[in-house]
Structures are given as C-alpha cells and as structure tokens.
Amino acid sequence: MNKPGPSIRPEIRYLIYFVGFWVLLLALVTHFFGTWDDRKTNPNQQLVSHTRDGAIEIQLQANRQGHYLANGTINNQHVTFILDTGATTVSVSDTMARKAGLQRQQRGRARTAAGTVDVWSTTIPELRLGDLTFHNVPGTINPAMDPDMVLLGMSVLGELDFSQQAGVLTLRKESR
C-alpha cells in the first residue's frame, strides 16, 4: 500500500505556478530578442542564391551599421563573413583556422585597422557562400583577430562582380 506524500498548500502551489510562469515568459522574451538582435547584426543568415543569365547571384542586406555580413563555410565549418573590400585576402582568426584545419605557411606582417600585426599565409581548400564555391583560396591567419571573425577579402571578392544599391549588395559569379 502506497502512503500518500505530503500535500502542498494551495498558496505555495500558486506561488510555484506564478514563479514558473514568469521564468518561462522571461526565457521566451530573451530568446525572441536574442534572435531578433542576431538578425539585425547579420540579416543574411540564410542566403538565397539565384541563377540569372548563366550566373549565380546572391543579394545581401546591409546590417544596421551598414556592413555586409553573411553566413558561409570554410572547409565545412560554419562561419560569419564580414565583406571587406579593403582586405587583400580572406583573413581568419587563429581559433577559426584551427577549427577549419587551416595550416600556417609563411609568416608575414599585415597592416590592419588595429595596426601592424604578425600573420601567416594559408590556403583555404574550400570556401562557400550560398551556392558560390571557391577552391584553394589565398588567405591569412591573424591571431590578433576576434576569434569568431572572418574577413572576406579580395582573394574571393575579386572573382565576383558586385554592385551596391539602396543597402543591398549583389554578388554575381559567372558559371563556367
């Protein structure tokens, strides 16, 4: 025979429900605004590629600071690219280089917005941006960069036609 457990007084039960409701509500609001803020920072989280006149096109929306960010991959590792026409090559942080299996090659120096830093050249076997795929891309590993940062420089952008109009950047690559 099972002995009934202690009963919870109604006012305690009400307090538990009340606190549980507010915890759940705050968790949902935090999730909603976190997702909303992510979309404001990077409105291009789900890239859509189009084929027009034998070329692949991707349109990117500028974020609230006027920068173009886009999700993609380096060696199947998910990254967020910051498009930077002032960067000669694709530049990745040391942390991202390790995750993507990139090898340090020749040591060098680079002038960045933060000053002159030591970098290592590397070759990126595969880089994807939507349906655009690039192989053996020249890059640099910059240990001074933010760990999650990847600058998409001219070693990729130079292979594309791009135009900007009204906060939309169109990237276009001819099919070969």
Protein backbone atom coordinates (compact mmCIF):
# COMPACT_ATOMS: atom_id res chain seq x y z
CA MET A 1 0.00 0.00 0.00
CA ASN A 2 1.40 3.37 -1.04
CA LYS A 3 1.43 6.08 1.52
CA PRO A 4 0.28 9.43 0.13
CA GLY A 5 3.03 12.08 0.03
CA PRO A 6 2.82 15.40 1.77
CA SER A 7 0.37 17.78 0.20
CA ILE A 8 1.40 21.24 -0.91
CA ARG A 9 -0.62 24.08 0.48
CA PRO A 10 -2.64 25.93 -2.19
CA GLU A 11 -0.84 29.25 -1.65
CA ILE A 12 2.57 27.54 -2.12
CA ARG A 13 1.32 25.78 -5.26
CA TYR A 14 0.06 29.16 -6.58
CA LEU A 15 3.47 30.74 -5.87
CA ILE A 16 5.25 27.90 -7.73
CA TYR A 17 2.96 28.36 -10.75
CA PHE A 18 3.37 32.14 -10.62
CA VAL A 19 7.19 31.98 -10.49
CA GLY A 20 7.26 29.25 -13.18
CA PHE A 21 5.09 31.36 -15.48
CA TRP A 22 7.39 34.39 -15.17
CA VAL A 23 10.56 32.33 -15.62
CA LEU A 24 9.11 30.78 -18.79
CA LEU A 25 7.92 34.16 -20.07
CA LEU A 26 11.33 35.77 -19.47
CA ALA A 27 13.08 32.87 -21.20
CA LEU A 28 10.83 33.22 -24.27
CA VAL A 29 11.28 37.01 -24.41
CA THR A 30 15.07 36.65 -24.06
CA HIS A 31 15.13 34.08 -26.88
CA PHE A 32 12.94 36.25 -29.11
CA PHE A 33 15.01 39.41 -28.64
CA GLY A 34 18.29 37.48 -28.93
CA THR A 35 17.18 36.08 -32.29
CA TRP A 36 15.87 39.49 -33.35
CA ASP A 37 19.19 41.13 -32.42
CA ASP A 38 21.13 38.43 -34.33
CA ARG A 39 19.06 39.21 -37.43
CA LYS A 40 19.76 42.94 -37.02
CA THR A 41 23.51 42.25 -36.74
CA ASN A 42 23.51 39.73 -39.61
CA PRO A 43 20.39 39.94 -41.76
CA ASN A 44 21.92 37.41 -44.19
CA GLN A 45 21.83 34.28 -42.04
CA GLN A 46 20.01 32.22 -44.67
CA LEU A 47 21.49 33.04 -48.07
CA VAL A 48 19.38 32.51 -51.15
CA SER A 49 21.19 32.12 -54.46
CA HIS A 50 19.58 32.76 -57.83
CA THR A 51 20.74 31.79 -61.30
CA ARG A 52 20.29 34.57 -63.86
CA ASP A 53 21.68 34.62 -67.39
CA GLY A 54 24.04 31.76 -66.60
CA ALA A 55 25.44 33.41 -63.45
CA ILE A 56 24.88 32.77 -59.76
CA GLU A 57 23.70 35.81 -57.79
CA ILE A 58 23.36 36.45 -54.09
CA GLN A 59 21.84 39.60 -52.63
CA LEU A 60 22.96 40.75 -49.19
CA GLN A 61 21.20 43.25 -46.96
CA ALA A 62 23.35 45.75 -45.05
CA ASN A 63 23.13 45.45 -41.28
CA ARG A 64 22.19 48.38 -39.07
CA GLN A 65 25.81 49.66 -39.12
CA GLY A 66 25.90 49.49 -42.93
CA HIS A 67 28.18 46.44 -43.07
CA TYR A 68 27.58 43.32 -45.11
CA LEU A 69 27.77 40.06 -43.17
CA ALA A 70 26.84 36.64 -44.47
CA ASN A 71 26.94 33.09 -43.19
CA GLY A 72 29.01 30.56 -45.06
CA THR A 73 31.57 27.81 -44.52
CA ILE A 74 35.31 27.27 -44.62
CA ASN A 75 36.11 23.56 -45.00
CA ASN A 76 32.55 22.78 -43.83
CA GLN A 77 32.96 24.87 -40.65
CA HIS A 78 30.19 27.43 -40.27
CA VAL A 79 31.46 31.00 -40.21
CA THR A 80 30.11 34.51 -40.48
CA PHE A 81 31.90 36.51 -43.14
CA ILE A 82 32.34 40.27 -42.96
CA LEU A 83 32.78 41.51 -46.52
CA ASP A 84 35.85 43.73 -46.67
CA THR A 85 36.99 45.15 -49.99
CA GLY A 86 39.98 46.66 -48.17
CA ALA A 87 41.31 43.21 -47.22
CA THR A 88 43.66 41.67 -49.79
CA THR A 89 42.82 38.09 -48.81
CA VAL A 90 40.36 36.18 -46.69
CA SER A 91 41.57 36.67 -43.14
CA VAL A 92 40.64 34.28 -40.33
CA SER A 93 41.36 34.24 -36.63
CA ASP A 94 43.72 31.67 -35.17
CA THR A 95 40.76 29.98 -33.44
CA MET A 96 38.78 29.71 -36.68
CA ALA A 97 41.86 28.48 -38.58
CA ARG A 98 42.28 25.61 -36.10
CA LYS A 99 38.58 24.67 -36.33
CA ALA A 100 38.75 24.67 -40.14
CA GLY A 101 42.03 22.75 -40.23
CA LEU A 102 43.99 25.52 -41.96
CA GLN A 103 47.77 25.26 -41.94
CA ARG A 104 50.11 28.12 -41.20
CA GLN A 105 52.50 28.68 -44.07
CA GLN A 106 54.77 31.69 -44.45
CA ARG A 107 54.98 34.28 -41.68
CA GLY A 108 54.43 37.92 -42.59
CA ARG A 109 53.18 41.29 -41.39
CA ALA A 110 49.92 42.98 -42.26
CA ARG A 111 48.58 46.49 -41.76
CA THR A 112 45.09 46.37 -40.28
CA ALA A 113 42.69 48.88 -38.81
CA ALA A 114 44.16 47.90 -35.42
CA GLY A 115 47.77 48.46 -36.54
CA THR A 116 50.53 46.23 -37.92
CA VAL A 117 50.29 42.58 -36.83
CA ASP A 118 52.04 39.27 -37.44
CA VAL A 119 50.09 36.94 -39.74
CA TRP A 120 50.65 33.62 -41.51
CA SER A 121 49.69 32.90 -45.08
CA THR A 122 47.42 29.93 -45.65
CA THR A 123 45.43 28.28 -48.42
CA ILE A 124 41.74 27.64 -47.84
CA PRO A 125 40.83 24.39 -49.64
CA GLU A 126 37.09 25.19 -49.80
CA LEU A 127 35.07 28.30 -49.05
CA ARG A 128 31.30 28.51 -49.59
CA LEU A 129 29.00 31.48 -49.66
CA GLY A 130 25.49 30.35 -50.56
CA ASP A 131 25.78 28.41 -53.82
CA LEU A 132 29.13 30.02 -54.60
CA THR A 133 32.10 27.72 -54.00
CA PHE A 134 35.76 28.71 -54.15
CA HIS A 135 38.76 26.36 -54.01
CA ASN A 136 42.35 26.93 -52.91
CA VAL A 137 41.69 30.49 -51.79
CA PRO A 138 44.69 32.55 -50.63
CA GLY A 139 44.21 33.66 -47.04
CA THR A 140 45.88 34.79 -43.87
CA ILE A 141 45.66 33.63 -40.29
CA ASN A 142 45.62 36.61 -37.96
CA PRO A 143 45.97 35.70 -34.26
CA ALA A 144 45.08 39.28 -33.27
CA MET A 145 41.55 38.98 -34.73
CA ASP A 146 38.37 38.35 -32.79
CA PRO A 147 38.00 34.54 -32.53
CA ASP A 148 34.73 34.43 -34.49
CA MET A 149 35.74 36.93 -37.16
CA VAL A 150 36.37 36.10 -40.82
CA LEU A 151 37.07 38.90 -43.27
CA LEU A 152 36.02 38.03 -46.80
CA GLY A 153 38.64 39.91 -48.77
CA MET A 154 39.55 40.42 -52.40
CA SER A 155 41.00 36.92 -52.88
CA VAL A 156 37.30 35.92 -53.14
CA LEU A 157 35.55 39.20 -53.90
CA GLY A 158 37.91 39.77 -56.83
CA GLU A 159 36.38 36.73 -58.53
CA LEU A 160 32.92 38.29 -58.35
CA ASP A 161 31.07 41.15 -59.95
CA PHE A 162 29.40 43.15 -57.23
CA SER A 163 27.21 46.22 -57.08
CA GLN A 164 25.53 48.08 -54.28
CA GLN A 165 22.24 49.93 -54.38
CA ALA A 166 19.93 51.09 -51.58
CA GLY A 167 21.53 48.96 -48.86
CA VAL A 168 21.63 45.81 -50.99
CA LEU A 169 24.88 44.30 -52.24
CA THR A 170 24.54 41.95 -55.21
CA LEU A 171 27.33 39.40 -55.68
CA ARG A 172 27.48 37.70 -59.09
CA LYS A 173 29.72 34.92 -60.40
CA GLU A 174 29.62 33.72 -63.96
CA SER A 175 29.10 29.97 -64.28
CA ARG A 176 31.91 28.16 -66.01
